Protein backbone atom coordinates (compact mmCIF):
# COMPACT_ATOMS: atom_id res chain seq x y z
CA UNK A 1 89.82 4.89 167.34
CA UNK A 2 92.62 7.41 167.88
CA UNK A 3 93.63 10.97 166.99
CA UNK A 4 97.20 11.89 166.01
CA UNK A 5 98.52 15.44 166.54
CA UNK A 6 101.72 15.80 164.51
CA UNK A 7 104.04 18.47 163.09
CA UNK A 8 104.47 20.10 166.49
CA UNK A 9 107.33 22.50 167.19
CA UNK A 10 107.29 21.58 170.85
CA UNK A 11 105.34 19.91 173.63
CA UNK A 12 105.86 21.48 177.07
CA UNK A 13 104.23 20.33 180.30
CA UNK A 14 104.73 19.85 184.02
CA UNK A 15 104.41 16.25 185.13
CA UNK A 16 102.84 14.19 187.86
CA UNK A 17 99.56 13.35 189.57
CA UNK A 18 99.88 15.98 192.29
CA UNK A 19 100.88 19.59 192.88
CA UNK A 20 104.48 20.66 192.32
CA UNK A 21 106.12 22.79 194.98
CA UNK A 22 109.07 25.13 195.22
CA UNK A 23 111.78 25.19 192.61
CA UNK A 24 110.45 22.01 191.01
CA UNK A 25 107.74 24.21 189.53
CA UNK A 26 110.33 25.35 187.00
CA UNK A 27 111.02 21.84 185.72
CA UNK A 28 108.97 21.12 182.61
CA UNK A 29 109.08 18.08 180.36
CA UNK A 30 109.63 19.12 176.76
CA UNK A 31 109.68 17.30 173.44
CA UNK A 32 111.00 18.74 170.17
CA UNK A 33 110.04 18.85 166.52
CA UNK A 34 109.63 15.13 165.93
CA UNK A 35 107.16 14.82 168.81
CA UNK A 36 103.49 13.84 168.51
CA UNK A 37 100.44 13.35 170.70
CA UNK A 38 98.09 10.42 170.27
CA UNK A 39 94.64 10.55 171.86
CA UNK A 40 92.43 7.54 172.39
CA UNK A 41 88.97 7.63 173.96
CA UNK A 42 89.49 11.19 175.19
CA UNK A 43 92.80 10.54 176.94
CA UNK A 44 96.45 10.90 176.10
CA UNK A 45 97.58 7.52 174.82
CA UNK A 46 101.07 8.48 173.68
CA UNK A 47 103.37 11.51 174.02
CA UNK A 48 106.80 11.46 172.44
CA UNK A 49 108.70 10.87 169.22
CA UNK A 50 106.56 9.87 166.24
CA UNK A 51 108.84 6.93 165.60
CA UNK A 52 108.06 5.62 169.07
CA UNK A 53 104.30 5.17 168.64
CA UNK A 54 103.49 1.53 169.48
CA UNK A 55 102.40 -0.43 166.39
CA UNK A 56 99.13 -1.47 167.99
CA UNK A 57 98.23 2.13 168.75
CA UNK A 58 99.41 3.32 165.33
CA UNK A 59 96.98 0.93 163.68
CA UNK A 60 94.02 2.56 165.47
CA UNK A 61 94.68 6.12 164.25
CA UNK A 62 91.81 7.32 162.08
CA UNK A 63 92.28 11.09 162.33
CA UNK A 64 95.55 12.85 161.55
CA UNK A 65 95.86 16.54 162.52
CA UNK A 66 98.67 18.70 161.15
CA UNK A 67 99.55 21.11 163.96
CA UNK A 68 101.47 23.33 161.51
CA UNK A 69 104.36 24.01 163.86
CA UNK A 70 102.26 24.72 166.95
CA UNK A 71 103.46 24.28 170.51
CA UNK A 72 101.30 22.04 172.71
CA UNK A 73 100.78 22.89 176.39
CA UNK A 74 98.22 21.62 178.90
CA UNK A 75 94.84 23.31 178.99
CA UNK A 76 94.86 26.12 181.53
CA UNK A 77 93.09 25.51 184.84
CA UNK A 78 91.53 28.69 186.24
CA UNK A 79 90.93 27.82 189.88
CA UNK A 80 89.39 31.10 191.10
CA UNK A 81 86.55 32.83 189.25
CA UNK A 82 83.19 34.42 190.01
CA UNK A 83 81.47 33.54 186.73
CA UNK A 84 77.74 33.49 187.64
CA UNK A 85 77.19 37.23 188.01
CA UNK A 86 74.90 39.74 186.34
CA UNK A 87 75.68 43.36 185.61
CA UNK A 88 78.95 45.16 184.98
CA UNK A 89 80.84 47.78 186.96
CA UNK A 90 82.79 49.72 184.36
CA UNK A 91 81.53 52.93 185.98
CA UNK A 92 83.86 52.26 188.93
CA UNK A 93 86.92 52.37 186.71
CA UNK A 94 87.20 56.15 186.46
CA UNK A 95 86.52 56.45 190.17
CA UNK A 96 89.60 54.34 190.84
CA UNK A 97 91.64 56.42 188.39
CA UNK A 98 90.50 59.50 190.33
CA UNK A 99 91.94 57.97 193.50
CA UNK A 100 89.07 56.16 195.22
CA UNK A 101 90.03 52.88 196.82
CA UNK A 102 88.20 49.57 196.49
CA UNK A 103 87.00 49.94 200.06
CA UNK A 104 85.75 53.53 199.53
CA UNK A 105 83.78 52.48 196.45
CA UNK A 106 82.26 49.57 198.38
CA UNK A 107 81.32 51.84 201.28
CA UNK A 108 79.36 54.09 198.89
CA UNK A 109 77.20 51.21 197.63
CA UNK A 110 79.45 50.03 194.83
CA UNK A 111 81.67 47.00 194.79
CA UNK A 112 80.20 43.64 195.69
CA UNK A 113 76.90 45.23 196.80
CA UNK A 114 76.27 46.59 193.28
CA UNK A 115 76.74 43.15 191.74
CA UNK A 116 74.51 41.63 194.40
CA UNK A 117 71.66 43.91 193.31
CA UNK A 118 72.05 42.94 189.66
CA UNK A 119 72.50 39.23 190.35
CA UNK A 120 69.46 39.07 192.59
CA UNK A 121 67.43 40.66 189.79
CA UNK A 122 68.62 38.12 187.20
CA UNK A 123 66.88 34.81 186.56
CA UNK A 124 68.61 31.46 186.78
CA UNK A 125 68.30 31.21 183.01
CA UNK A 126 69.97 34.62 182.63
CA UNK A 127 72.89 33.51 184.78
CA UNK A 128 73.22 30.20 182.97
CA UNK A 129 73.51 32.01 179.65
CA UNK A 130 76.13 34.37 181.07
CA UNK A 131 78.22 31.49 182.44
CA UNK A 132 78.10 29.70 179.08
CA UNK A 133 79.15 32.83 177.19
CA UNK A 134 82.00 33.55 179.60
CA UNK A 135 83.15 29.95 179.35
CA UNK A 136 83.43 30.35 175.58
CA UNK A 137 85.69 33.37 176.04
CA UNK A 138 87.80 31.46 178.55
CA UNK A 139 88.21 28.58 176.13
CA UNK A 140 89.27 30.91 173.31
CA UNK A 141 92.18 31.94 175.50
CA UNK A 142 93.14 28.38 176.39
CA UNK A 143 91.27 27.52 179.59
CA UNK A 144 89.79 24.02 179.72
CA UNK A 145 88.71 23.85 183.39
CA UNK A 146 87.48 26.62 185.68
CA UNK A 147 86.27 26.92 189.24
CA UNK A 148 83.18 29.15 189.61
CA UNK A 149 81.93 30.72 192.84
CA UNK A 150 78.60 31.99 194.05
CA UNK A 151 78.70 34.95 196.44
CA UNK A 152 76.62 37.60 194.69
CA UNK A 153 73.28 36.35 195.99
CA UNK A 154 73.89 36.76 199.73
CA UNK A 155 70.61 35.11 200.65
CA UNK A 156 69.43 31.53 200.50
CA UNK A 157 67.45 31.65 197.27
CA UNK A 158 69.94 33.68 195.23
CA UNK A 159 73.02 31.74 196.37
CA UNK A 160 71.25 28.55 195.29
CA UNK A 161 70.25 30.27 192.04
CA UNK A 162 73.87 31.05 191.21
CA UNK A 163 75.03 27.51 191.92
CA UNK A 164 72.14 25.99 189.96
CA UNK A 165 73.11 28.21 187.03
CA UNK A 166 76.63 26.77 187.10
CA UNK A 167 75.18 23.26 187.14
CA UNK A 168 72.83 24.07 184.26
CA UNK A 169 75.68 25.59 182.24
CA UNK A 170 77.82 22.45 182.32
CA UNK A 171 76.10 20.84 179.37
CA UNK A 172 76.86 23.79 177.08
CA UNK A 173 79.99 25.30 178.62
CA UNK A 174 83.24 25.15 176.67
CA UNK A 175 85.22 24.45 179.85
CA UNK A 176 84.78 22.02 182.71
CA UNK A 177 83.13 23.81 185.65
CA UNK A 178 83.83 23.16 189.33
CA UNK A 179 81.48 24.89 191.81
CA UNK A 180 82.25 26.71 195.06
CA UNK A 181 79.74 28.11 197.53
CA UNK A 182 80.93 31.58 198.56
CA UNK A 183 77.92 32.69 200.58
CA UNK A 184 80.46 34.26 202.95
CA UNK A 185 81.65 36.72 200.29
CA UNK A 186 80.34 39.74 202.16
CA UNK A 187 77.52 40.56 204.54
CA UNK A 188 74.24 41.35 202.76
CA UNK A 189 72.98 44.93 203.09
CA UNK A 190 70.20 43.81 205.39
CA UNK A 191 72.71 42.23 207.81
CA UNK A 192 75.07 45.18 208.13
CA UNK A 193 75.15 47.70 210.90
CA UNK A 194 74.57 45.50 213.93
CA UNK A 195 76.14 42.61 215.76
CA UNK A 196 72.77 40.87 215.74
CA UNK A 197 72.51 41.19 211.95
CA UNK A 198 75.96 39.69 211.45
CA UNK A 199 75.12 36.82 213.75
CA UNK A 200 71.82 36.08 211.99
CA UNK A 201 73.62 35.97 208.64
CA UNK A 202 76.36 33.69 209.94
CA UNK A 203 73.74 31.30 211.32
CA UNK A 204 71.91 31.39 208.00
CA UNK A 205 75.10 30.35 206.19
CA UNK A 206 76.00 27.53 208.56
CA UNK A 207 72.49 26.27 209.37
CA UNK A 208 70.58 26.79 206.11
CA UNK A 209 72.61 27.76 203.04
CA UNK A 210 75.43 25.24 203.32
CA UNK A 211 73.07 22.35 204.19
CA UNK A 212 70.82 23.28 201.25
CA UNK A 213 73.78 23.39 198.89
CA UNK A 214 74.92 20.01 200.16
CA UNK A 215 71.41 18.55 199.84
CA UNK A 216 71.29 19.49 196.14
CA UNK A 217 74.96 18.59 195.61
CA UNK A 218 75.55 22.02 194.08
CA UNK A 219 79.17 22.58 195.13
CA UNK A 220 82.26 20.69 196.15
CA UNK A 221 83.99 23.62 197.86
CA UNK A 222 83.05 26.33 200.35
CA UNK A 223 84.89 29.65 200.57
CA UNK A 224 84.98 32.71 202.85
CA UNK A 225 86.40 36.23 202.44
CA UNK A 226 88.46 36.84 205.57
CA UNK A 227 89.38 40.50 205.52
CA UNK A 228 89.10 43.68 207.55
CA UNK A 229 85.53 45.02 207.49
CA UNK A 230 84.32 41.69 206.06
CA UNK A 231 84.75 38.34 207.92
CA UNK A 232 87.00 38.11 210.94
CA UNK A 233 89.41 35.23 211.38
CA UNK A 234 87.07 33.75 213.99
CA UNK A 235 84.04 34.06 211.69
CA UNK A 236 86.03 32.52 208.83
CA UNK A 237 86.99 29.56 211.00
CA UNK A 238 83.36 29.15 212.06
CA UNK A 239 82.05 29.11 208.49
CA UNK A 240 84.71 26.76 207.14
CA UNK A 241 84.50 24.39 210.11
CA UNK A 242 80.76 24.11 209.55
CA UNK A 243 81.33 23.57 205.84
CA UNK A 244 83.90 20.83 206.45
CA UNK A 245 81.50 19.05 208.80
CA UNK A 246 79.04 18.85 205.90
CA UNK A 247 81.63 17.41 203.54
CA UNK A 248 82.75 20.55 201.71
CA UNK A 249 86.44 21.13 201.04
CA UNK A 250 87.30 24.62 202.32
CA UNK A 251 88.98 27.45 200.41
CA UNK A 252 89.69 30.96 201.67
CA UNK A 253 90.14 34.50 200.35
CA UNK A 254 93.15 35.38 202.50
CA UNK A 255 95.35 38.41 203.22
CA UNK A 256 94.19 40.39 200.19
CA UNK A 257 93.89 43.91 201.59
CA UNK A 258 95.61 43.38 204.94
CA UNK A 259 97.40 40.72 206.96
CA UNK A 260 94.58 38.97 208.78
CA UNK A 261 96.32 35.65 209.35
CA UNK A 262 94.15 34.09 206.68
CA UNK A 263 96.97 32.06 205.12
CA UNK A 264 97.81 30.42 208.43
CA UNK A 265 94.12 29.70 209.01
CA UNK A 266 93.93 28.08 205.57
CA UNK A 267 96.85 25.78 206.38
CA UNK A 268 95.43 24.98 209.82
CA UNK A 269 92.05 23.99 208.33
CA UNK A 270 93.66 22.03 205.45
CA UNK A 271 92.03 24.31 202.88
CA UNK A 272 92.44 23.44 199.22
CA UNK A 273 93.75 26.95 198.61
CA UNK A 274 94.49 30.31 200.16
CA UNK A 275 93.79 32.94 197.52
CA UNK A 276 95.13 36.47 196.84
CA UNK A 277 97.86 36.76 199.55
CA UNK A 278 99.11 40.23 198.66
CA UNK A 279 99.62 40.95 202.38
CA UNK A 280 100.67 37.50 203.57
CA UNK A 281 103.09 37.49 206.51
CA UNK A 282 106.29 35.50 206.84
CA UNK A 283 104.44 33.19 209.23
CA UNK A 284 101.73 32.72 206.61
CA UNK A 285 104.31 31.84 203.98
CA UNK A 286 105.88 29.28 206.30
CA UNK A 287 102.48 27.80 207.11
CA UNK A 288 101.59 27.32 203.44
CA UNK A 289 105.03 25.92 202.62
CA UNK A 290 104.60 23.28 205.31
CA UNK A 291 101.13 22.31 204.05
CA UNK A 292 99.36 21.02 200.96
CA UNK A 293 97.24 24.18 200.80
CA UNK A 294 97.85 25.87 197.46
CA UNK A 295 98.90 29.52 197.39
CA UNK A 296 96.58 30.70 194.63
CA UNK A 297 97.80 34.04 193.29
CA UNK A 298 95.63 36.46 191.33
CA UNK A 299 97.98 39.11 189.87
CA UNK A 300 95.42 40.47 187.41
CA UNK A 301 93.49 41.81 190.41
CA UNK A 302 96.38 43.97 191.58
CA UNK A 303 97.00 45.04 187.98
CA UNK A 304 93.36 45.95 187.33
CA UNK A 305 93.07 47.85 190.61
CA UNK A 306 96.22 49.78 189.63
CA UNK A 307 97.97 48.60 192.76
CA UNK A 308 101.66 48.20 193.45
CA UNK A 309 101.51 45.30 195.87
CA UNK A 310 101.57 41.85 194.34
CA UNK A 311 101.64 38.59 196.24
CA UNK A 312 105.24 37.59 197.10
CA UNK A 313 105.41 34.78 194.56
CA UNK A 314 109.18 34.36 194.70
CA UNK A 315 109.18 34.05 198.50
CA UNK A 316 106.37 31.50 198.37
CA UNK A 317 108.10 29.42 195.71
CA UNK A 318 111.48 29.56 197.41
CA UNK A 319 109.90 28.59 200.73
CA UNK A 320 108.50 25.46 199.08
CA UNK A 321 104.82 26.33 198.71
CA UNK A 322 102.58 24.95 195.96
CA UNK A 323 101.72 28.05 193.90
CA UNK A 324 98.92 28.40 191.35
CA UNK A 325 97.62 31.27 189.21
CA UNK A 326 94.03 32.27 188.43
CA UNK A 327 92.14 35.13 186.79
CA UNK A 328 89.75 36.06 189.65
CA UNK A 329 87.34 36.83 186.80
CA UNK A 330 84.70 39.15 188.29
CA UNK A 331 82.96 42.39 187.28
CA UNK A 332 84.68 44.74 189.70
CA UNK A 333 88.31 43.89 190.37
CA UNK A 334 89.50 41.62 187.54
CA UNK A 335 87.34 41.65 184.44
CA UNK A 336 89.28 39.14 182.36
CA UNK A 337 88.84 35.53 181.27
CA UNK A 338 92.40 35.23 179.95
CA UNK A 339 94.90 33.02 181.76
CA UNK A 340 97.49 34.18 179.24
CA UNK A 341 97.44 37.74 180.59
CA UNK A 342 97.60 36.36 184.13
CA UNK A 343 100.76 34.42 183.29
CA UNK A 344 102.25 37.49 181.64
CA UNK A 345 101.57 39.72 184.66
CA UNK A 346 102.88 37.04 187.02
CA UNK A 347 106.13 36.79 185.10
CA UNK A 348 106.66 40.47 184.35
CA UNK A 349 105.52 41.85 187.72
CA UNK A 350 106.04 39.04 190.24
CA UNK A 351 109.24 37.77 188.62
CA UNK A 352 108.33 34.12 188.42
CA UNK A 353 109.73 32.25 185.44
CA UNK A 354 107.68 31.27 182.42
CA UNK A 355 108.14 27.63 183.42
CA UNK A 356 106.83 28.32 186.92
CA UNK A 357 103.92 30.29 185.49
CA UNK A 358 102.94 27.43 183.19
CA UNK A 359 103.02 24.93 186.06
CA UNK A 360 101.02 27.33 188.24
CA UNK A 361 98.42 27.84 185.51
CA UNK A 362 97.93 24.13 184.84
CA UNK A 363 98.96 21.31 187.17
CA UNK A 364 98.95 23.27 190.42
CA UNK A 365 95.56 24.78 189.67
CA UNK A 366 94.27 21.28 188.95
CA UNK A 367 95.69 20.10 192.27
CA UNK A 368 93.82 22.81 194.17
CA UNK A 369 90.60 21.49 192.58
CA UNK A 370 91.43 17.88 193.46
CA UNK A 371 91.91 17.04 189.77
CA UNK A 372 95.69 16.74 189.33
CA UNK A 373 95.38 13.02 188.70
CA UNK A 374 93.13 13.73 185.70
CA UNK A 375 94.15 17.06 184.15
CA UNK A 376 96.85 19.74 184.30
CA UNK A 377 99.60 18.02 182.32
CA UNK A 378 100.17 16.27 179.01
CA UNK A 379 100.80 12.72 180.17
CA UNK A 380 99.66 9.30 179.09
CA UNK A 381 96.47 8.30 180.87
CA UNK A 382 95.28 11.81 181.69
CA UNK A 383 92.32 13.48 180.03
CA UNK A 384 93.34 15.05 176.72
CA UNK A 385 92.88 18.71 177.67
CA UNK A 386 95.48 20.74 175.80
CA UNK A 387 96.14 23.89 173.80
CA UNK A 388 97.94 24.37 170.49
CA UNK A 389 99.76 27.69 170.54
CA UNK A 390 100.64 29.62 167.41
CA UNK A 391 104.23 29.80 168.64
CA UNK A 392 107.52 27.91 168.21
CA UNK A 393 107.88 27.27 171.95
CA UNK A 394 106.21 27.88 175.31
CA UNK A 395 108.33 30.97 176.10
CA UNK A 396 106.14 32.92 173.68
CA UNK A 397 103.34 32.75 176.25
CA UNK A 398 105.06 35.72 177.87
CA UNK A 399 107.53 36.86 175.22
CA UNK A 400 104.76 37.55 172.67
CA UNK A 401 102.46 39.37 175.06
CA UNK A 402 99.16 41.15 174.54
CA UNK A 403 97.88 38.81 171.82
CA UNK A 404 95.94 35.56 171.85
CA UNK A 405 98.35 32.79 170.87
CA UNK A 406 95.71 30.05 170.86
CA UNK A 407 95.36 28.22 167.56
CA UNK A 408 93.20 25.34 168.86
CA UNK A 409 91.89 23.98 172.15
CA UNK A 410 91.01 20.36 172.87
CA UNK A 411 88.99 19.15 175.82
CA UNK A 412 88.69 15.41 176.46
CA UNK A 413 90.28 14.97 173.03
CA UNK A 414 87.56 16.95 171.25
CA UNK A 415 88.39 20.26 169.58
CA UNK A 416 86.37 23.07 171.20
CA UNK A 417 88.26 26.07 169.72
CA UNK A 418 88.04 27.29 167.03
C-alpha cells in the first residue's frame, strides 16, 4: 500500500545518485503547489504534480496526509558527530570567554581528556541510552541519518564499548546511524610524554583496536585527528593505511587548527572525507577539487569556539570540490544536534547560498557515507527520508533563523517526528 503527501507549498531537493560538486551544488529541483509525494514500501514512488500520479499507483494509496502548506526537503545527513560520549563540558565555556584557547584548556586536563575520563567511567548501557536520546533531538531538527564516532575511550575496551553502544542504539534510534572508529582522536594520558608511549599507542591502534573493530564489524570507517600536538601527517598516514588494509574506508580530521597538509593526505589516500579545513592551503583545496574526497565543513565548531576563521567554503565550491556540512556534535567544541543552525551559520558566515547549503546538508553528506544512491534527495526509488518544514519554501531554512521549522520527519516512509 502507499502513502500520499499532498497540499505541499514546495518540494526542493538536489538530485542524483552521487555527490554534487562545484557550482552544481546550487542547482535544486523544485516543484510547486500542485506537487505531491507518493511513498510505497518505504521508498519514493512518485514525485511531481498530483495530476501525474500513475493510475496503478493511485489505486494503491491507503493513507492521505495533508501537509498543510509545508515545504518538503530531504532528511538531513549529519556526516560528522561524536554521539557516544558521557559527561558535559559547560564549565569550559566561561574559560573560553575569558580568553583561554582550545589548546590551553586541553593542556590543563580539559578538552578531550575530560570527556575520556567520563566516557571510560560510563557503562555500555549508559552510552547506548545517551546515543538514543541524542538521536531523538537530531530527528526533531530534521536529521534522518548520522555518522557517529568513537574516540573518547582511547583504549581497547572503551573504544569497543563506544562502538558497541552505537550498534545497540540502532534499534531505538530515531536516525540511521553509521559508525566510525576514531581511536586516533588523541593520545591517551598514559601514552603522552614519551616517544615510546606514542609508539606503543600507535601499535595498539593498528595491531589490536582496528582488527578487533573489524572482527566485530563495529564500524565502516576509520578516522584520525591530524593536527599539531596530536597526530603528525606521517602518523595519520600510518593509521589510515593500516585501516584501509583491514577494509575500513578512511576519513580524516584535517587542517582544523593549523595547515598540516591533512587535506592533501585525505585526497592521496582516497578518504571519504576531509573534515574541518579551517586552515586548508591552496594546494589542499586543489587536491580535494581533483578528488572524490568530500570537504566536510563544520561551521558550528568555529561559531561555538568564538573563532573568526571559517573553512573557505566559497573557494572550495568554486574550485569544484564536493562540499558537505555537519554538526560536529560533541561536548566541548560544538554542542548542537541541529543541522538547521549549521546551514544558517554556513550561509551567513561562509557565504554559501541556501541552495548550496541544502545540497551540502543532504546529498553530499550521504555521498561521504557511501549512501548517495539510497538517501540524500527526494527522488523516485530512493528511501523516503524527508522533512516537512513549516515554511512556504526552502529559503526559510536560513531566512527564518533561530527557530525549529520542522513540522514532521519521515524515515523510510514512517513518521518519526512528532
